[in-house]
Amino acid sequence: MKPLSAALLAFLFTALPATTHGAEPPPTTTGPLPGTAAKGTDPEIVGEEKAVLTPAPNVPPPIRRKHATKVVVKLEVIEVVKRMADGVDYLFWTFGGDVPGLFIRVREGDLVEFHLGNHPTSKMPHNIDLHAVTGPGGGATSSFTAPGHSSQFSFKALNPGLFVYHCATAPVGMHVANGMYGLILVEPKEGLPPVDKEFYVMQGDFYTKGKFGEEGLQPFDQQKAEDEKPSYVLFNGAVGSLVGDKALKANVGERVRLFVGNGGPNLTSSFHVIGEIFDHVYQEGGMKLLQENVQTTIVPAGGSAIVDFKLDVPGTFILVDHALFRAFNKGALGMLNVEGPQNLLVYSGKEVDATYLGDYALPGSADSRVAALQSDLKRVIAADPKIAAIGKDLFIEKGKRIYAQTCFACHQAEGQGISGVFPPLAKSDYLMADKARAIRGVINGQSGEIIVNGQKYNGVMPPVLLSDEQIAHVLTFVRNAWGNTGDIVTVEEVQKVHAESVNQ
């Protein structure tokens, strides 16, 4: 069977005109068709209200009313350049100016009057397919909207659940890959069990010409999208969208609910919160509780899940796609910061930190591995100290971004590392003693025993997939942070070490 052409897909997802050339127009009517009620006469519908729409990670408040009503939803499509990562911009196509699109919350039985506007600055026509709609195209056939125009249609929210919505204008995959998706919750008539906090997290895979972290305005790469090889896999449309000051926040003792979606367009998400267990999981966004005490739940492309859990201890809990290279190398990582009193009966923290040598406890072996730390000659960057300081500051600022995207999960936010596992970068004699060795460690990875600040470490650090320029930036940053003081690491120095590594 031949694949459907783009033109045929556009036909399938676009409203047909009322008449076609040479055909008789349909007969006019003065009332509802047989077996239907006139618009607005549904006896179950009481009153009218404007929908509250919220950008991620926020969620509209739970619906308290006990009756169905007419809910007016006004959503605007806008094509806008936004930050994808520090130093990286992308032309996103959005519902409401953000990725994911604004969260919509209605009640089972509501009549939803949907208005879709396409901003005059848009270059493309768009529409919307809401998986909550029972009707052709999920609304797509009634909402095809050219730039500078708006469309309106109505639907009754028949089925409760958490549903994805997305653009369905051909080529559908490209519209979704550019960020055109979001979630609509149809609350059951009886409501959801109460919780203390609710958050909106939605994953998507993005396909850019440049590789992960390559700076500048990045264009969409059709071939990568067809090959399902994303440059980025993101929560809420950007690297770092849920870390640092943007992290989700809650308190010990609270119950948290996450509305989790996956826009795709290609990848399935293995959603996991490191250090927490989902008390309840509503799989695939349905309203029947199917699982309890779940570690990781599958969220398909174009699908969703609802999870909730009680917070028993404080700390930072990491949200990931447990396809872990997506989390730590492509951006699918967030944080939930929990404050409150410790509960040592639930989690003690580290109780013992003892030396363990196992089969490697050979007589005299430790002494034989201790290497003398040598200082490398420092290179003068520029004759003018003022210019040198500006260049160094620029490298440090760029390196700080790269560290937050690539290094902090192991070496920690303040470079403190994890005792006995990951060596510290803060006040590190090993890092500062040999610049070329530090460069080689990033390029080639690091394995075997090393001594940092008098403590032995014997782990493995894989090679970091960064450009020579990015390596220069991040090493300049870590060599000038957390008590370290060093000179600039130049791109030329990295290139020299890189060339030596290749020739060895």
Protein backbone atom coordinates (compact mmCIF):
# COMPACT_ATOMS: atom_id res chain seq x y z
CA MET A 1 0.00 0.00 0.00
CA LYS A 2 1.36 3.42 -0.91
CA PRO A 3 1.74 5.98 1.93
CA LEU A 4 -0.83 8.76 2.03
CA SER A 5 0.35 11.94 0.37
CA ALA A 6 0.55 15.23 2.26
CA ALA A 7 -2.26 16.56 0.10
CA LEU A 8 -4.53 13.66 0.98
CA LEU A 9 -3.70 14.03 4.68
CA ALA A 10 -4.56 17.72 4.47
CA PHE A 11 -7.88 16.77 2.87
CA LEU A 12 -8.64 14.26 5.61
CA PHE A 13 -7.94 16.73 8.43
CA THR A 14 -9.50 19.84 6.85
CA ALA A 15 -13.17 20.82 6.88
CA LEU A 16 -14.83 20.44 3.51
CA PRO A 17 -16.83 23.39 2.20
CA ALA A 18 -20.61 23.14 2.37
CA THR A 19 -20.92 22.86 -1.41
CA THR A 20 -18.67 21.74 -4.25
CA HIS A 21 -18.59 22.85 -7.86
CA GLY A 22 -21.48 21.35 -9.83
CA ALA A 23 -23.27 19.89 -6.78
CA GLU A 24 -26.63 20.91 -5.42
CA PRO A 25 -26.45 22.80 -2.12
CA PRO A 26 -27.95 20.98 0.89
CA PRO A 27 -31.53 21.91 1.75
CA THR A 28 -31.90 24.68 4.32
CA THR A 29 -33.56 23.94 7.64
CA THR A 30 -35.31 26.13 10.14
CA GLY A 31 -34.91 23.85 13.16
CA PRO A 32 -32.96 20.90 14.51
CA LEU A 33 -32.60 17.76 12.47
CA PRO A 34 -34.87 14.85 13.40
CA GLY A 35 -33.74 13.19 16.62
CA THR A 36 -31.58 16.13 17.77
CA ALA A 37 -32.13 18.98 20.17
CA ALA A 38 -31.63 22.61 19.26
CA LYS A 39 -28.27 24.04 20.31
CA GLY A 40 -28.29 25.20 23.91
CA THR A 41 -31.44 23.30 24.92
CA ASP A 42 -29.74 20.35 26.62
CA PRO A 43 -31.57 20.16 29.96
CA GLU A 44 -28.40 18.91 31.69
CA ILE A 45 -26.52 22.13 30.88
CA VAL A 46 -26.96 24.86 33.50
CA GLY A 47 -25.35 28.27 33.03
CA GLU A 48 -22.09 29.24 31.32
CA GLU A 49 -18.52 29.93 32.41
CA LYS A 50 -15.18 30.83 30.88
CA ALA A 51 -12.53 28.12 31.15
CA VAL A 52 -9.49 28.75 33.34
CA LEU A 53 -6.41 27.87 31.27
CA THR A 54 -2.96 27.52 32.84
CA PRO A 55 0.60 27.14 31.52
CA ALA A 56 2.69 24.18 32.72
CA PRO A 57 3.49 23.21 35.42
CA ASN A 58 0.35 24.85 36.81
CA VAL A 59 -3.08 23.20 36.81
CA PRO A 60 -6.50 24.92 37.00
CA PRO A 61 -8.27 24.41 40.34
CA PRO A 62 -10.53 21.36 40.82
CA ILE A 63 -14.14 21.79 39.70
CA ARG A 64 -16.46 22.12 42.69
CA ARG A 65 -19.81 22.48 40.95
CA LYS A 66 -22.18 19.49 40.94
CA HIS A 67 -23.82 20.15 37.58
CA ALA A 68 -22.81 20.34 33.93
CA THR A 69 -22.45 23.74 32.33
CA LYS A 70 -21.40 25.39 29.09
CA VAL A 71 -17.66 26.06 29.20
CA VAL A 72 -16.17 28.56 26.75
CA VAL A 73 -12.55 27.75 25.82
CA LYS A 74 -10.55 30.32 23.88
CA LEU A 75 -7.15 29.10 22.74
CA GLU A 76 -4.71 30.91 20.45
CA VAL A 77 -2.13 29.35 18.17
CA ILE A 78 1.06 31.37 17.95
CA GLU A 79 4.40 30.57 16.34
CA VAL A 80 7.12 31.98 18.59
CA VAL A 81 10.88 31.74 19.07
CA LYS A 82 11.63 30.57 22.62
CA ARG A 83 14.50 29.13 24.63
CA MET A 84 15.04 25.38 24.17
CA ALA A 85 18.25 25.32 26.24
CA ASP A 86 20.69 27.96 27.43
CA GLY A 87 22.07 29.53 24.26
CA VAL A 88 19.70 27.49 22.08
CA ASP A 89 16.52 28.92 20.54
CA TYR A 90 13.81 27.22 18.50
CA LEU A 91 10.75 28.34 16.54
CA PHE A 92 8.00 26.58 18.49
CA TRP A 93 4.44 26.29 17.19
CA THR A 94 2.29 26.58 20.29
CA PHE A 95 -1.19 26.49 21.75
CA GLY A 96 -1.21 29.60 23.94
CA GLY A 97 2.43 30.65 23.59
CA ASP A 98 3.95 27.78 25.60
CA VAL A 99 5.03 24.16 25.19
CA PRO A 100 3.09 22.20 26.23
CA GLY A 101 -0.14 24.05 25.45
CA LEU A 102 -2.34 25.50 28.16
CA PHE A 103 -4.01 22.99 30.49
CA ILE A 104 -7.80 22.74 30.01
CA ARG A 105 -10.07 21.44 32.80
CA VAL A 106 -13.76 20.66 32.35
CA ARG A 107 -16.32 18.32 33.94
CA GLU A 108 -17.95 15.18 32.56
CA GLY A 109 -21.18 16.22 30.82
CA ASP A 110 -20.08 19.82 30.12
CA LEU A 111 -20.83 21.40 26.77
CA VAL A 112 -17.54 22.89 25.57
CA GLU A 113 -17.69 25.79 23.13
CA PHE A 114 -14.22 25.85 21.62
CA HIS A 115 -12.69 28.90 19.92
CA LEU A 116 -9.38 28.44 18.11
CA GLY A 117 -7.57 31.57 16.91
CA ASN A 118 -4.50 31.54 14.67
CA HIS A 119 -2.34 34.60 15.28
CA PRO A 120 -1.87 36.90 12.25
CA THR A 121 1.92 36.49 12.44
CA SER A 122 1.68 32.72 11.93
CA LYS A 123 3.08 31.32 8.69
CA MET A 124 1.03 28.10 8.75
CA PRO A 125 -2.62 27.08 9.07
CA HIS A 126 -3.38 25.00 12.15
CA ASN A 127 -6.21 23.06 13.77
CA ILE A 128 -6.78 21.02 16.93
CA ASP A 129 -7.54 17.37 17.59
CA LEU A 130 -8.70 16.86 21.18
CA HIS A 131 -8.69 13.21 22.17
CA ALA A 132 -11.54 14.07 24.54
CA VAL A 133 -13.87 14.79 21.60
CA THR A 134 -16.29 12.27 20.15
CA GLY A 135 -16.49 13.47 16.55
CA PRO A 136 -14.57 13.51 13.23
CA GLY A 137 -10.89 14.28 13.74
CA GLY A 138 -11.47 15.07 17.41
CA GLY A 139 -12.45 18.55 16.27
CA ALA A 140 -9.76 18.81 13.59
CA THR A 141 -12.25 18.78 10.71
CA SER A 142 -14.07 21.78 12.22
CA SER A 143 -11.09 23.85 13.35
CA PHE A 144 -8.78 24.24 10.33
CA THR A 145 -7.78 27.88 10.75
CA ALA A 146 -5.66 30.11 8.52
CA PRO A 147 -3.36 32.80 9.99
CA GLY A 148 -5.40 35.79 11.15
CA HIS A 149 -8.62 33.76 11.40
CA SER A 150 -10.55 31.95 14.12
CA SER A 151 -12.81 28.89 14.19
CA GLN A 152 -15.50 27.68 16.56
CA PHE A 153 -17.07 24.31 17.28
CA SER A 154 -18.74 22.63 20.25
CA PHE A 155 -18.59 19.18 21.82
CA LYS A 156 -20.01 17.45 24.83
CA ALA A 157 -17.46 15.98 27.26
CA LEU A 158 -18.90 12.49 27.35
CA ASN A 159 -15.96 10.52 28.76
CA PRO A 160 -13.97 11.41 31.87
CA GLY A 161 -10.21 11.11 31.67
CA LEU A 162 -6.93 12.91 31.00
CA PHE A 163 -6.63 13.46 27.26
CA VAL A 164 -3.96 14.77 24.90
CA TYR A 165 -4.75 17.45 22.35
CA HIS A 166 -2.54 18.30 19.38
CA CYS A 167 -2.50 19.90 15.95
CA ALA A 168 -3.61 17.59 13.15
CA THR A 169 -2.81 19.73 10.11
CA ALA A 170 -0.63 18.00 7.52
CA PRO A 171 2.18 17.19 7.87
CA VAL A 172 0.86 16.16 11.28
CA GLY A 173 4.16 14.86 12.64
CA MET A 174 5.95 18.14 11.95
CA HIS A 175 3.27 20.22 13.71
CA VAL A 176 3.45 17.97 16.78
CA ALA A 177 7.26 17.85 16.71
CA ASN A 178 7.31 21.65 16.85
CA GLY A 179 5.44 21.62 20.16
CA MET A 180 1.74 21.62 19.26
CA TYR A 181 0.26 19.51 22.07
CA GLY A 182 -1.22 19.80 25.55
CA LEU A 183 -3.62 18.16 28.01
CA ILE A 184 -7.35 18.45 28.67
CA LEU A 185 -8.78 16.90 31.83
CA VAL A 186 -12.42 15.84 31.85
CA GLU A 187 -13.11 15.38 35.55
CA PRO A 188 -15.58 12.65 36.48
CA LYS A 189 -18.90 13.88 37.85
CA GLU A 190 -17.92 12.83 41.35
CA GLY A 191 -14.53 14.58 41.03
CA LEU A 192 -11.06 13.22 41.75
CA PRO A 193 -9.89 12.29 45.26
CA PRO A 194 -8.55 15.46 46.92
CA VAL A 195 -4.80 16.12 47.07
CA ASP A 196 -2.70 19.01 48.35
CA LYS A 197 -0.92 19.97 45.13
CA GLU A 198 -1.33 19.22 41.42
CA PHE A 199 1.25 19.72 38.66
CA TYR A 200 1.32 19.47 34.84
CA VAL A 201 4.31 17.72 33.24
CA MET A 202 4.43 16.82 29.55
CA GLN A 203 7.23 15.18 27.61
CA GLY A 204 8.10 15.74 23.96
CA ASP A 205 10.89 14.78 21.57
CA PHE A 206 12.47 17.46 19.37
CA TYR A 207 14.55 17.20 16.20
CA THR A 208 17.06 19.97 15.50
CA LYS A 209 19.75 20.28 12.85
CA GLY A 210 22.34 20.88 15.56
CA LYS A 211 23.19 18.31 18.21
CA PHE A 212 22.23 18.71 21.85
CA GLY A 213 23.52 22.00 23.26
CA GLU A 214 24.69 23.46 19.95
CA GLU A 215 24.03 27.17 20.28
CA GLY A 216 21.97 29.44 18.06
CA LEU A 217 18.52 29.34 16.48
CA GLN A 218 18.04 25.69 15.54
CA PRO A 219 15.86 24.61 12.58
CA PHE A 220 13.69 21.49 12.48
CA ASP A 221 15.33 18.39 10.95
CA GLN A 222 12.82 16.29 9.01
CA GLN A 223 15.20 13.37 8.46
CA LYS A 224 15.99 13.03 12.17
CA ALA A 225 12.27 13.08 12.88
CA GLU A 226 11.57 10.32 10.35
CA ASP A 227 14.48 8.28 11.75
CA GLU A 228 13.15 8.88 15.30
CA LYS A 229 16.54 10.20 16.48
CA PRO A 230 15.76 13.28 18.58
CA SER A 231 18.36 15.85 19.60
CA TYR A 232 16.29 16.69 22.68
CA VAL A 233 13.76 14.88 24.87
CA LEU A 234 12.21 17.49 27.13
CA PHE A 235 9.80 18.04 29.98
CA ASN A 236 7.66 21.15 29.40
CA GLY A 237 9.46 22.28 26.27
CA ALA A 238 12.93 23.23 27.51
CA VAL A 239 16.07 21.94 29.17
CA GLY A 240 15.89 22.95 32.82
CA SER A 241 12.19 23.82 32.72
CA LEU A 242 11.71 22.04 36.07
CA VAL A 243 15.04 22.55 37.85
CA GLY A 244 16.52 25.17 40.15
CA ASP A 245 14.14 28.05 40.77
CA LYS A 246 11.64 26.39 38.40
CA ALA A 247 11.53 23.09 40.31
CA LEU A 248 8.18 21.83 41.58
CA LYS A 249 7.76 22.61 45.29
CA ALA A 250 5.87 20.77 48.02
CA ASN A 251 6.08 19.95 51.72
CA VAL A 252 6.48 16.82 53.82
CA GLY A 253 3.08 15.33 54.60
CA GLU A 254 1.42 16.61 51.43
CA ARG A 255 -0.09 14.41 48.74
CA VAL A 256 0.97 15.40 45.21
CA ARG A 257 -0.79 14.57 41.94
CA LEU A 258 1.02 14.74 38.60
CA PHE A 259 -0.88 14.99 35.34
CA VAL A 260 1.70 13.49 32.96
CA GLY A 261 1.39 13.69 29.18
CA ASN A 262 3.52 12.67 26.23
CA GLY A 263 3.17 14.68 23.05
CA GLY A 264 5.69 12.53 21.20
CA PRO A 265 5.60 12.60 18.23
CA ASN A 266 7.64 9.38 18.34
CA LEU A 267 8.96 8.20 21.70
CA THR A 268 7.22 6.38 24.54
CA SER A 269 8.06 7.74 28.00
CA SER A 270 9.08 5.62 31.01
CA PHE A 271 8.09 8.16 33.67
CA HIS A 272 9.78 7.81 37.04
CA VAL A 273 10.41 9.95 40.13
CA ILE A 274 13.72 8.96 41.71
CA GLY A 275 13.22 8.29 45.42
CA GLU A 276 9.42 8.09 45.33
CA ILE A 277 6.85 5.38 44.65
CA PHE A 278 3.52 6.20 43.01
CA ASP A 279 0.78 5.30 45.49
CA HIS A 280 -1.84 5.36 42.74
CA VAL A 281 -1.58 5.24 38.94
CA TYR A 282 -4.44 5.89 36.54
CA GLN A 283 -2.90 4.24 33.50
CA GLU A 284 -3.23 5.81 30.05
CA GLY A 285 -5.21 8.70 31.52
CA GLY A 286 -8.31 6.64 32.30
CA MET A 287 -10.41 7.15 35.40
CA LYS A 288 -10.20 3.61 36.76
CA LEU A 289 -7.47 3.10 39.34
CA LEU A 290 -5.55 0.12 37.95
CA GLN A 291 -2.28 0.10 39.86
CA GLU A 292 -0.84 0.96 43.27
CA ASN A 293 2.77 1.16 44.51
CA VAL A 294 4.29 1.66 41.05
CA GLN A 295 7.94 2.51 40.40
CA THR A 296 7.79 3.55 36.71
CA THR A 297 4.78 3.99 34.45
CA ILE A 298 4.60 3.92 30.67
CA VAL A 299 3.17 6.99 28.93
CA PRO A 300 2.72 6.37 25.18
CA ALA A 301 3.14 9.03 22.52
CA GLY A 302 -0.20 10.80 22.33
CA GLY A 303 -1.13 9.43 25.76
CA SER A 304 -1.12 10.32 29.44
CA ALA A 305 -1.12 9.03 33.00
CA ILE A 306 -2.21 10.36 36.38
CA VAL A 307 -0.05 9.53 39.39
CA ASP A 308 -0.20 10.58 43.03
CA PHE A 309 1.95 9.96 46.09
CA LYS A 310 2.40 11.17 49.66
CA LEU A 311 5.63 12.93 50.60
CA ASP A 312 7.17 11.35 53.71
CA VAL A 313 10.67 12.85 53.80
CA PRO A 314 12.33 16.07 52.62
CA GLY A 315 14.84 16.36 49.81
CA THR A 316 15.13 16.77 46.06
CA PHE A 317 13.32 14.11 44.04
CA ILE A 318 14.33 13.84 40.38
CA LEU A 319 11.73 13.40 37.61
CA VAL A 320 13.07 11.45 34.63
CA ASP A 321 12.26 9.45 31.59
CA HIS A 322 13.91 6.23 32.80
CA ALA A 323 15.30 5.68 29.33
CA LEU A 324 18.22 7.32 31.10
CA PHE A 325 20.28 8.76 28.27
CA ARG A 326 17.23 10.87 27.48
CA ALA A 327 17.25 12.19 31.04
CA PHE A 328 20.95 12.89 31.49
CA ASN A 329 21.98 13.61 27.90
CA LYS A 330 18.89 14.99 26.14
CA GLY A 331 17.07 17.00 28.79
CA ALA A 332 14.18 14.84 30.15
CA LEU A 333 14.87 15.74 33.76
CA GLY A 334 13.06 17.78 36.41
CA MET A 335 13.03 18.26 40.18
CA LEU A 336 10.52 18.15 43.00
CA ASN A 337 11.89 20.02 46.03
CA VAL A 338 10.28 18.87 49.29
CA GLU A 339 10.73 20.82 52.53
CA GLY A 340 9.91 19.74 56.04
CA PRO A 341 11.15 17.72 59.02
CA GLN A 342 13.23 14.58 58.65
CA ASN A 343 11.65 11.18 59.35
CA LEU A 344 14.58 8.92 60.25
CA LEU A 345 12.30 5.89 60.56
CA VAL A 346 11.44 6.21 56.86
CA TYR A 347 14.89 7.22 55.60
CA SER A 348 17.97 7.45 57.79
CA GLY A 349 20.41 9.09 55.45
CA LYS A 350 23.98 7.73 55.42
CA GLU A 351 24.72 5.84 58.64
CA VAL A 352 28.14 4.35 57.81
CA ASP A 353 30.95 5.48 55.52
CA ALA A 354 33.63 2.78 55.74
CA THR A 355 36.45 1.73 53.46
CA TYR A 356 35.70 -1.31 51.32
CA LEU A 357 38.44 -2.83 49.17
CA GLY A 358 37.06 -6.28 48.36
CA ASP A 359 39.42 -8.38 46.24
CA TYR A 360 41.67 -5.39 45.62
CA ALA A 361 43.03 -5.28 49.20
CA LEU A 362 46.53 -6.35 48.12
CA PRO A 363 49.57 -5.52 50.29
CA GLY A 364 51.19 -2.28 49.24
CA SER A 365 48.85 -1.80 46.27
CA ALA A 366 47.42 1.45 47.57
CA ASP A 367 50.85 3.05 47.90
CA SER A 368 51.85 1.96 44.40
CA ARG A 369 48.84 3.78 42.91
CA VAL A 370 49.49 7.11 44.58
CA ALA A 371 50.82 9.45 41.88
CA ALA A 372 52.54 12.74 42.52
CA LEU A 373 50.37 15.70 41.47
CA GLN A 374 52.16 17.98 39.00
CA SER A 375 51.19 21.51 38.04
CA ASP A 376 50.97 22.37 34.35
CA LEU A 377 52.33 25.65 33.01
CA LYS A 378 49.59 28.28 32.84
CA ARG A 379 49.08 30.08 29.59
CA VAL A 380 48.72 33.82 29.21
CA ILE A 381 45.40 34.52 27.46
CA ALA A 382 45.95 38.07 26.36
CA ALA A 383 48.30 40.97 27.04
CA ASP A 384 45.47 43.26 28.09
CA PRO A 385 44.17 42.09 31.51
CA LYS A 386 40.82 43.84 30.96
CA ILE A 387 40.16 41.98 27.72
CA ALA A 388 41.32 38.73 29.30
CA ALA A 389 38.89 39.21 32.20
CA ILE A 390 35.95 39.82 29.83
CA GLY A 391 36.78 36.70 27.82
CA LYS A 392 37.15 34.63 30.96
CA ASP A 393 33.81 35.86 32.33
CA LEU A 394 32.11 34.94 29.06
CA PHE A 395 33.58 31.42 29.17
CA ILE A 396 32.47 31.04 32.80
CA GLU A 397 28.88 32.08 32.05
CA LYS A 398 28.63 29.69 29.10
CA GLY A 399 30.27 26.92 31.09
CA LYS A 400 27.81 27.38 33.94
CA ARG A 401 24.95 26.60 31.53
CA ILE A 402 26.68 23.48 30.21
CA TYR A 403 27.41 22.23 33.72
CA ALA A 404 23.73 22.57 34.69
CA GLN A 405 22.68 20.61 31.60
CA THR A 406 25.31 17.86 31.68
CA CYS A 407 27.34 17.52 34.88
CA PHE A 408 25.35 18.48 37.96
CA ALA A 409 23.48 15.16 38.40
CA CYS A 410 26.71 13.37 39.35
CA HIS A 411 28.93 16.14 40.66
CA GLN A 412 26.01 17.98 42.36
CA ALA A 413 24.90 21.60 42.18
CA GLU A 414 27.79 23.02 44.23
CA GLY A 415 30.45 20.66 42.88
CA GLN A 416 30.52 18.71 46.14
CA GLY A 417 30.20 15.29 44.47
CA ILE A 418 28.98 12.23 46.37
CA SER A 419 31.34 10.86 48.99
CA GLY A 420 33.02 7.65 47.91
CA VAL A 421 31.25 7.66 44.54
CA PHE A 422 31.78 10.86 42.55
CA PRO A 423 34.83 13.02 43.43
CA PRO A 424 34.29 16.66 44.34
CA LEU A 425 35.06 19.43 41.91
CA ALA A 426 34.89 22.04 44.67
CA LYS A 427 38.39 22.90 46.02
CA SER A 428 39.71 19.94 44.03
CA ASP A 429 43.49 19.48 44.05
CA TYR A 430 43.20 16.83 41.33
CA LEU A 431 41.20 19.08 39.00
CA MET A 432 43.47 22.09 39.45
CA ALA A 433 46.82 20.27 39.30
CA ASP A 434 46.85 19.41 35.61
CA LYS A 435 44.77 21.28 33.04
CA ALA A 436 45.61 18.93 30.16
CA ARG A 437 44.65 15.93 32.26
CA ALA A 438 41.32 17.55 33.08
CA ILE A 439 40.70 18.13 29.36
CA ARG A 440 41.60 14.50 28.56
CA GLY A 441 39.22 13.33 31.28
CA VAL A 442 36.30 15.10 29.67
CA ILE A 443 37.20 14.03 26.12
CA ASN A 444 38.09 10.37 26.82
CA GLY A 445 36.34 9.73 30.12
CA GLN A 446 38.02 8.69 33.35
CA SER A 447 38.46 5.28 34.95
CA GLY A 448 40.73 3.74 37.53
CA GLU A 449 41.84 4.91 40.94
CA ILE A 450 42.46 8.59 41.57
CA ILE A 451 43.07 10.57 44.75
CA VAL A 452 41.12 13.79 45.20
CA ASN A 453 41.73 15.90 48.30
CA GLY A 454 43.33 12.91 50.01
CA GLN A 455 40.43 10.52 49.35
CA LYS A 456 40.56 7.57 46.95
CA TYR A 457 37.99 7.15 44.19
CA ASN A 458 37.78 4.27 41.75
CA GLY A 459 34.84 4.75 39.42
CA VAL A 460 34.06 5.33 35.79
CA MET A 461 33.15 8.60 34.10
CA PRO A 462 32.12 8.08 30.46
CA PRO A 463 33.29 10.48 27.75
CA VAL A 464 31.16 13.63 27.63
CA LEU A 465 29.76 14.38 24.17
CA LEU A 466 30.60 18.07 23.96
CA SER A 467 32.26 20.20 21.32
CA ASP A 468 35.80 21.54 21.91
CA GLU A 469 34.31 24.96 22.57
CA GLN A 470 31.83 23.57 25.12
CA ILE A 471 34.62 21.64 26.90
CA ALA A 472 36.68 24.85 27.15
CA HIS A 473 33.68 26.69 28.60
CA VAL A 474 32.67 24.09 31.20
CA LEU A 475 36.26 23.51 32.40
CA THR A 476 36.83 27.24 32.73
CA PHE A 477 33.70 27.40 34.86
CA VAL A 478 34.52 24.49 37.22
CA ARG A 479 38.15 25.68 37.57
CA ASN A 480 36.83 29.03 38.77
CA ALA A 481 33.94 27.97 41.01
CA TRP A 482 33.41 26.65 44.57
CA GLY A 483 36.83 27.67 45.88
CA ASN A 484 38.80 26.89 42.71
CA THR A 485 40.84 29.66 41.08
CA GLY A 486 42.36 29.07 37.68
CA ASP A 487 43.04 30.61 34.33
CA ILE A 488 40.92 30.27 31.20
CA VAL A 489 40.85 26.96 29.34
CA THR A 490 41.17 27.97 25.70
CA VAL A 491 39.57 26.25 22.74
CA GLU A 492 43.06 25.87 21.26
CA GLU A 493 44.21 23.94 24.33
CA VAL A 494 41.26 21.58 24.02
CA GLN A 495 41.89 21.12 20.29
CA LYS A 496 45.54 20.26 20.98
CA VAL A 497 44.66 17.62 23.58
CA HIS A 498 41.91 16.28 21.30
CA ALA A 499 44.38 15.88 18.44
CA GLU A 500 46.91 14.14 20.70
CA SER A 501 44.21 11.73 21.90
CA VAL A 502 43.26 10.85 18.33
CA ASN A 503 46.89 10.20 17.33
CA GLN A 504 47.66 7.97 20.31
